[in-house]
N, C-alpha and C. Protein backbone atom coordinates (compact mmCIF):
# COMPACT_ATOMS: atom_id res chain seq x y z
N UNK A 1 90.54 92.01 108.58
CA UNK A 1 89.58 93.09 108.50
C UNK A 1 88.33 92.68 109.25
N UNK A 2 87.68 93.62 109.93
CA UNK A 2 86.47 93.32 110.66
C UNK A 2 85.35 92.97 109.72
N UNK A 3 84.47 92.08 110.16
CA UNK A 3 83.30 91.74 109.39
C UNK A 3 82.17 92.72 109.69
N UNK A 4 81.31 93.01 108.69
CA UNK A 4 80.19 93.91 108.97
C UNK A 4 79.32 93.34 110.09
N UNK A 5 78.87 94.22 110.98
CA UNK A 5 78.02 93.83 112.08
C UNK A 5 76.62 94.38 111.81
N UNK A 6 75.64 93.51 111.85
CA UNK A 6 74.25 93.91 111.59
C UNK A 6 74.10 94.68 110.30
N UNK A 7 74.82 94.27 109.26
CA UNK A 7 74.69 94.88 107.95
C UNK A 7 75.48 96.19 107.80
N UNK A 8 76.23 96.60 108.81
CA UNK A 8 76.98 97.84 108.68
C UNK A 8 78.42 97.52 108.20
N UNK A 9 79.11 98.53 107.75
CA UNK A 9 80.45 98.35 107.24
C UNK A 9 81.46 98.58 108.37
N UNK A 10 82.67 98.00 108.24
CA UNK A 10 83.68 98.16 109.31
C UNK A 10 84.19 99.60 109.35
N UNK A 11 84.56 100.02 110.55
CA UNK A 11 85.11 101.35 110.77
C UNK A 11 86.48 101.44 110.12
N UNK A 12 86.79 102.61 109.57
CA UNK A 12 88.12 102.85 109.03
C UNK A 12 89.10 102.92 110.18
N UNK A 13 90.14 102.09 110.14
CA UNK A 13 91.15 102.04 111.20
C UNK A 13 92.16 103.18 111.11
N UNK A 14 92.15 103.92 110.00
CA UNK A 14 93.07 105.05 109.85
C UNK A 14 92.49 106.31 110.48
N UNK A 15 91.25 106.68 110.10
CA UNK A 15 90.70 107.96 110.56
C UNK A 15 89.64 107.79 111.66
N UNK A 16 89.05 106.62 111.76
CA UNK A 16 88.00 106.32 112.74
C UNK A 16 86.74 107.18 112.56
N UNK A 17 86.65 107.96 111.49
CA UNK A 17 85.47 108.77 111.22
C UNK A 17 84.61 108.18 110.12
N UNK A 18 85.24 107.49 109.19
CA UNK A 18 84.50 106.89 108.08
C UNK A 18 84.35 105.40 108.25
N UNK A 19 83.65 104.80 107.28
CA UNK A 19 83.52 103.33 107.23
C UNK A 19 84.14 102.85 105.92
N UNK A 20 84.57 101.59 105.90
CA UNK A 20 85.16 101.03 104.69
C UNK A 20 84.04 100.48 103.81
N UNK A 21 83.99 100.96 102.58
CA UNK A 21 82.96 100.57 101.63
C UNK A 21 83.59 99.66 100.58
N UNK A 22 82.97 98.48 100.33
CA UNK A 22 83.52 97.54 99.35
C UNK A 22 83.17 97.97 97.92
N UNK A 23 84.12 97.79 97.02
CA UNK A 23 83.91 98.07 95.60
C UNK A 23 84.20 96.80 94.80
N UNK A 24 83.43 96.58 93.78
CA UNK A 24 83.61 95.41 92.91
C UNK A 24 84.03 95.86 91.52
N UNK A 25 84.49 94.91 90.73
CA UNK A 25 84.97 95.20 89.39
C UNK A 25 84.72 93.98 88.51
N UNK A 26 85.16 94.04 87.28
CA UNK A 26 85.09 92.92 86.36
C UNK A 26 86.48 92.54 85.91
N UNK A 27 86.74 91.23 85.77
CA UNK A 27 88.04 90.75 85.33
C UNK A 27 88.19 90.85 83.83
N UNK A 28 89.32 90.41 83.32
CA UNK A 28 89.62 90.49 81.88
C UNK A 28 88.59 89.77 81.02
N UNK A 29 88.07 88.65 81.53
CA UNK A 29 87.09 87.88 80.77
C UNK A 29 85.65 88.26 81.09
N UNK A 30 85.46 89.33 81.84
CA UNK A 30 84.13 89.80 82.17
C UNK A 30 83.52 89.20 83.41
N UNK A 31 84.27 88.34 84.10
CA UNK A 31 83.77 87.72 85.32
C UNK A 31 83.79 88.74 86.48
N UNK A 32 82.74 88.78 87.27
CA UNK A 32 82.72 89.75 88.39
C UNK A 32 83.77 89.43 89.44
N UNK A 33 84.38 90.47 89.98
CA UNK A 33 85.35 90.33 91.09
C UNK A 33 84.74 91.10 92.26
N UNK A 34 84.19 90.34 93.22
CA UNK A 34 83.57 90.96 94.38
C UNK A 34 84.64 91.47 95.35
N UNK A 35 84.39 92.63 95.90
CA UNK A 35 85.27 93.23 96.91
C UNK A 35 86.71 93.36 96.46
N UNK A 36 86.90 93.88 95.27
CA UNK A 36 88.26 94.09 94.74
C UNK A 36 88.97 95.19 95.53
N UNK A 37 88.22 96.13 96.04
CA UNK A 37 88.80 97.23 96.79
C UNK A 37 87.88 97.65 97.93
N UNK A 38 88.46 98.24 98.95
CA UNK A 38 87.73 98.84 100.05
C UNK A 38 88.23 100.27 100.18
N UNK A 39 87.32 101.22 100.28
CA UNK A 39 87.70 102.63 100.40
C UNK A 39 86.98 103.27 101.59
N UNK A 40 87.63 104.23 102.22
CA UNK A 40 87.04 104.95 103.34
C UNK A 40 85.98 105.92 102.79
N UNK A 41 84.84 106.00 103.50
CA UNK A 41 83.77 106.91 103.09
C UNK A 41 84.08 108.36 103.41
N UNK A 42 85.11 108.61 104.21
CA UNK A 42 85.52 109.96 104.55
C UNK A 42 86.48 110.48 103.48
N UNK A 43 86.03 111.45 102.65
CA UNK A 43 86.88 111.88 101.53
C UNK A 43 88.19 112.53 101.98
N UNK A 44 88.25 113.05 103.18
CA UNK A 44 89.48 113.66 103.68
C UNK A 44 90.53 112.58 103.98
N UNK A 45 90.05 111.43 104.45
CA UNK A 45 90.96 110.33 104.81
C UNK A 45 91.63 109.73 103.59
N UNK A 46 90.83 109.24 102.65
CA UNK A 46 91.38 108.67 101.41
C UNK A 46 91.98 107.28 101.54
N UNK A 47 91.83 106.61 102.70
CA UNK A 47 92.40 105.27 102.85
C UNK A 47 91.75 104.31 101.86
N UNK A 48 92.56 103.43 101.27
CA UNK A 48 92.01 102.41 100.38
C UNK A 48 92.90 101.18 100.40
N UNK A 49 92.25 100.07 100.14
CA UNK A 49 92.91 98.76 100.11
C UNK A 49 92.42 98.10 98.83
N UNK A 50 93.35 97.57 98.02
CA UNK A 50 92.99 97.05 96.70
C UNK A 50 93.75 95.74 96.41
N UNK A 51 93.11 94.86 95.68
CA UNK A 51 93.73 93.62 95.26
C UNK A 51 93.91 93.64 93.74
N UNK A 52 95.17 93.53 93.29
CA UNK A 52 95.49 93.48 91.87
C UNK A 52 96.37 92.29 91.61
N UNK A 53 95.90 91.39 90.76
CA UNK A 53 96.69 90.19 90.38
C UNK A 53 97.19 89.45 91.61
N UNK A 54 96.37 89.37 92.63
CA UNK A 54 96.72 88.62 93.83
C UNK A 54 97.59 89.38 94.83
N UNK A 55 97.95 90.64 94.52
CA UNK A 55 98.76 91.43 95.42
C UNK A 55 97.89 92.52 96.06
N UNK A 56 98.12 92.75 97.36
CA UNK A 56 97.36 93.77 98.09
C UNK A 56 98.12 95.09 98.08
N UNK A 57 97.43 96.15 97.72
CA UNK A 57 97.99 97.50 97.71
C UNK A 57 97.29 98.33 98.76
N UNK A 58 98.02 99.09 99.54
CA UNK A 58 97.48 99.95 100.53
C UNK A 58 97.77 101.41 100.20
N UNK A 59 96.75 102.26 100.31
CA UNK A 59 96.96 103.70 100.23
C UNK A 59 97.35 104.27 98.89
N UNK A 60 97.04 103.59 97.79
CA UNK A 60 97.33 104.16 96.48
C UNK A 60 96.48 105.40 96.26
N UNK A 61 96.97 106.33 95.46
CA UNK A 61 96.22 107.55 95.15
C UNK A 61 94.94 107.18 94.41
N UNK A 62 93.83 107.76 94.86
CA UNK A 62 92.55 107.52 94.23
C UNK A 62 92.33 108.57 93.18
N UNK A 63 91.92 108.12 91.99
CA UNK A 63 91.67 109.06 90.89
C UNK A 63 90.63 108.46 89.95
N UNK A 64 90.28 109.23 88.94
CA UNK A 64 89.31 108.78 87.96
C UNK A 64 89.99 107.86 86.95
N UNK A 65 89.23 106.87 86.50
CA UNK A 65 89.74 105.94 85.52
C UNK A 65 89.61 106.54 84.12
N UNK A 66 90.55 106.23 83.27
CA UNK A 66 90.46 106.71 81.87
C UNK A 66 89.61 105.80 81.01
N UNK A 67 89.17 104.68 81.58
CA UNK A 67 88.36 103.71 80.83
C UNK A 67 86.93 104.15 80.73
């Protein structure tokens, strides 16, 4: 994945209209997990990349959490 240049986010390689925005989360023990997911800022695109238990998931459906 491209590194941010001059503080900007990398371009989405799927739609080329949005940028990939990093999202963070908390683990089971409350420890922060930096950059757990990256999502495209273009809502029409919907591209996302996520790390769960050491596995990378691409393009999962984005929805609201029940938590």
